[in-house]
Protein backbone atom coordinates (compact mmCIF):
# COMPACT_ATOMS: atom_id res chain seq x y z
CA MET A 1 2.95 -26.83 -15.47
CA ALA A 2 0.37 -26.41 -12.69
CA ILE A 3 0.95 -28.15 -9.37
CA ALA A 4 -2.05 -29.73 -7.71
CA ASN A 5 -2.78 -28.95 -4.06
CA ALA A 6 -2.22 -32.61 -3.19
CA ASP A 7 1.32 -32.33 -4.57
CA ILE A 8 2.30 -29.49 -2.25
CA GLN A 9 0.89 -30.93 0.97
CA MET A 10 4.12 -32.52 2.14
CA ASN A 11 3.01 -33.60 5.62
CA PRO A 12 -0.79 -33.60 5.73
CA GLY A 13 -0.73 -36.47 8.26
CA LYS A 14 1.01 -34.27 10.83
CA ILE A 15 -1.86 -31.77 10.90
CA VAL A 16 -4.54 -33.20 13.16
CA GLY A 17 -7.88 -31.94 14.46
CA ARG A 18 -8.63 -31.41 18.13
CA GLU A 19 -10.05 -34.90 18.81
CA GLY A 20 -7.37 -36.57 16.74
CA ILE A 21 -4.53 -34.83 18.56
CA CYS A 22 -5.86 -36.07 21.90
CA ARG A 23 -6.03 -39.66 20.60
CA LEU A 24 -2.54 -39.37 19.13
CA ALA A 25 -1.14 -38.05 22.42
CA GLU A 26 -2.78 -40.96 24.27
CA GLN A 27 -1.20 -43.45 21.85
CA TRP A 28 2.24 -41.89 22.22
CA ARG A 29 1.92 -41.77 26.00
CA ALA A 30 0.86 -45.46 26.07
CA ALA A 31 4.00 -46.23 24.06
CA GLY A 32 6.11 -44.53 26.75
CA GLU A 33 6.70 -41.25 24.92
CA ARG A 34 6.92 -37.89 26.67
CA ILE A 35 4.54 -35.25 25.25
CA VAL A 36 5.85 -31.71 24.72
CA LEU A 37 3.50 -28.91 23.67
CA ALA A 38 4.62 -25.66 22.05
CA ASN A 39 2.25 -23.01 20.78
CA GLY A 40 2.14 -19.73 18.93
CA ASN A 41 0.84 -17.66 16.06
CA PHE A 42 3.72 -18.48 13.66
CA ASP A 43 2.41 -15.80 11.30
CA LEU A 44 5.69 -15.38 9.40
CA LEU A 45 8.07 -18.20 10.21
CA HIS A 46 11.49 -16.84 11.22
CA VAL A 47 14.65 -18.20 12.82
CA GLY A 48 13.37 -17.44 16.33
CA HIS A 49 10.45 -19.81 15.73
CA VAL A 50 12.76 -22.52 14.39
CA ARG A 51 15.05 -22.23 17.42
CA TYR A 52 12.07 -22.28 19.79
CA LEU A 53 10.68 -25.45 18.22
CA ARG A 54 14.11 -27.09 18.10
CA GLY A 55 14.59 -26.30 21.78
CA ALA A 56 11.16 -27.78 22.54
CA LYS A 57 12.02 -30.97 20.65
CA GLU A 58 15.31 -31.25 22.53
CA LEU A 59 13.30 -31.67 25.75
CA GLY A 60 12.62 -35.19 24.48
CA GLY A 61 9.58 -37.06 23.26
CA LYS A 62 6.92 -36.07 20.78
CA LEU A 63 6.49 -32.40 19.93
CA ILE A 64 2.96 -31.16 19.33
CA VAL A 65 2.68 -27.59 18.06
CA ALA A 66 -0.58 -25.70 18.61
CA VAL A 67 -1.12 -22.91 16.07
CA ASN A 68 -3.51 -20.04 16.81
CA SER A 69 -6.54 -19.80 14.52
CA ASP A 70 -6.99 -16.77 12.28
CA GLU A 71 -9.64 -15.37 14.64
CA SER A 72 -7.42 -15.66 17.70
CA VAL A 73 -4.44 -14.07 15.90
CA LEU A 74 -6.65 -11.14 14.87
CA ALA A 75 -7.86 -10.74 18.45
CA LEU A 76 -4.33 -10.94 19.87
CA LYS A 77 -2.38 -8.99 17.24
CA GLY A 78 -4.94 -6.61 15.72
CA GLU A 79 -5.99 -5.51 12.27
CA GLY A 80 -3.98 -6.84 9.36
CA ARG A 81 -3.07 -10.07 11.11
CA PRO A 82 -2.68 -12.86 10.45
CA ILE A 83 -0.77 -12.41 7.24
CA MET A 84 -1.16 -16.08 6.31
CA PRO A 85 -4.18 -18.30 7.00
CA ALA A 86 -3.97 -20.85 9.81
CA GLU A 87 -3.99 -23.83 7.45
CA GLU A 88 -0.90 -22.53 5.63
CA ARG A 89 0.87 -21.68 8.89
CA ALA A 90 0.12 -25.21 10.14
CA GLU A 91 1.43 -26.75 6.91
CA ILE A 92 4.70 -24.82 7.16
CA ILE A 93 5.17 -25.85 10.82
CA ALA A 94 4.34 -29.49 9.94
CA ALA A 95 7.12 -29.46 7.33
CA LEU A 96 9.75 -28.98 10.06
CA ALA A 97 11.58 -32.18 11.02
CA ASP A 98 11.42 -31.40 14.76
CA VAL A 99 7.61 -31.30 14.73
CA ASP A 100 5.62 -34.50 15.24
CA ALA A 101 2.08 -33.08 15.03
CA VAL A 102 0.26 -29.78 14.57
CA VAL A 103 -3.19 -28.70 15.75
CA ILE A 104 -5.00 -25.40 15.19
CA PHE A 105 -6.74 -23.97 18.25
CA SER A 106 -9.28 -21.16 18.42
CA GLU A 107 -8.96 -19.90 21.99
CA LEU A 108 -6.92 -16.82 22.92
CA ASP A 109 -4.60 -18.96 25.04
CA VAL A 110 -3.76 -22.64 25.08
CA ARG A 111 -5.18 -23.55 28.54
CA ALA A 112 -8.11 -25.62 27.22
CA LEU A 113 -5.83 -27.65 24.94
CA ILE A 114 -3.37 -28.17 27.80
CA ARG A 115 -6.19 -29.52 29.95
CA GLU A 116 -7.21 -31.89 27.14
CA LEU A 117 -3.70 -33.08 26.18
CA ARG A 118 -2.01 -32.92 29.60
CA PRO A 119 1.48 -32.60 28.08
CA ASP A 120 4.41 -33.57 30.25
CA ILE A 121 6.05 -30.27 29.30
CA GLN A 122 4.66 -26.97 28.06
CA ALA A 123 7.50 -25.30 26.14
CA LYS A 124 7.49 -21.52 25.85
CA GLY A 125 9.92 -19.11 24.22
CA THR A 126 12.40 -16.85 25.94
CA ASP A 127 10.02 -13.90 25.90
CA TYR A 128 8.58 -15.63 29.00
CA THR A 129 9.94 -16.76 32.34
CA GLU A 130 8.54 -19.83 34.07
CA ASP A 131 6.61 -17.49 36.37
CA SER A 132 5.15 -15.36 33.55
CA VAL A 133 3.79 -18.18 31.33
CA PRO A 134 0.05 -17.44 31.16
CA GLU A 135 -0.92 -21.12 31.10
CA ARG A 136 1.33 -22.27 33.93
CA ASP A 137 -1.70 -22.73 36.19
CA ALA A 138 -3.25 -25.25 33.78
CA VAL A 139 0.05 -27.16 33.55
CA ALA A 140 0.41 -27.22 37.36
CA GLU A 141 -3.12 -28.67 37.79
CA TYR A 142 -1.96 -32.13 36.73
CA GLY A 143 1.72 -31.96 37.71
CA GLY A 144 3.23 -31.06 34.34
CA ARG A 145 6.07 -28.63 34.00
CA VAL A 146 6.87 -25.50 32.02
CA ALA A 147 10.19 -25.13 30.21
CA ILE A 148 11.62 -22.01 28.59
CA VAL A 149 13.45 -22.83 25.36
CA GLY A 150 14.97 -21.19 22.30
CA ASP A 151 17.37 -18.33 21.86
CA ALA A 152 17.12 -14.85 23.33
CA LYS A 153 14.04 -12.98 22.11
CA GLU A 154 15.71 -11.10 19.26
CA HIS A 155 13.20 -12.07 16.55
CA SER A 156 9.58 -11.04 16.25
CA THR A 157 7.04 -11.25 13.45
CA SER A 158 5.62 -7.87 14.48
CA GLU A 159 9.10 -6.34 14.31
CA LEU A 160 9.77 -7.97 10.91
CA ILE A 161 6.56 -6.48 9.57
CA ARG A 162 7.38 -3.05 11.02
CA THR A 163 11.00 -2.89 9.89
CA ARG A 164 11.16 -4.97 6.71
CA LEU A 165 7.71 -5.25 5.22
CA ALA A 166 6.17 -1.85 5.94
CA PRO A 167 6.25 0.60 3.04
CA ARG A 168 9.33 2.79 3.20
CA ARG A 169 8.90 6.53 3.07
CA ALA A 170 11.08 8.46 0.64
């Protein structure tokens, strides 16, 4: 029995366009909610991603996850990436209970979206320190803060591809 696309889109309402995410953040803020922004490629979802997003949610408030577009992943990671298209990566992220909304962004970093959303907290994974977060300047412009969350950086999509998905030589 074939399954229609509509049947597999479990949380289509969580995936929002750029204008919609700004309106949603304004509504949540007006209701007294804190806005937390996390971002990444999320090319092959692994436990490190789940722990990062759980840690971001634990900061309190509404968690918005910004997913890099296919073009930005290619520019950042190189040929052969992304493995999955942005829409599918966004749908997988939206299916996680800790995530309140997902937006796809096309820039190489998330500064422009930070300036539009003005999240209370920009959550980054443990592969960063508060001083090394590339977008920390954009967060500081309006008095937001950066938080480092998740477990130690022991998981990587690039490493998974290299060690588990690359063809093995006999």
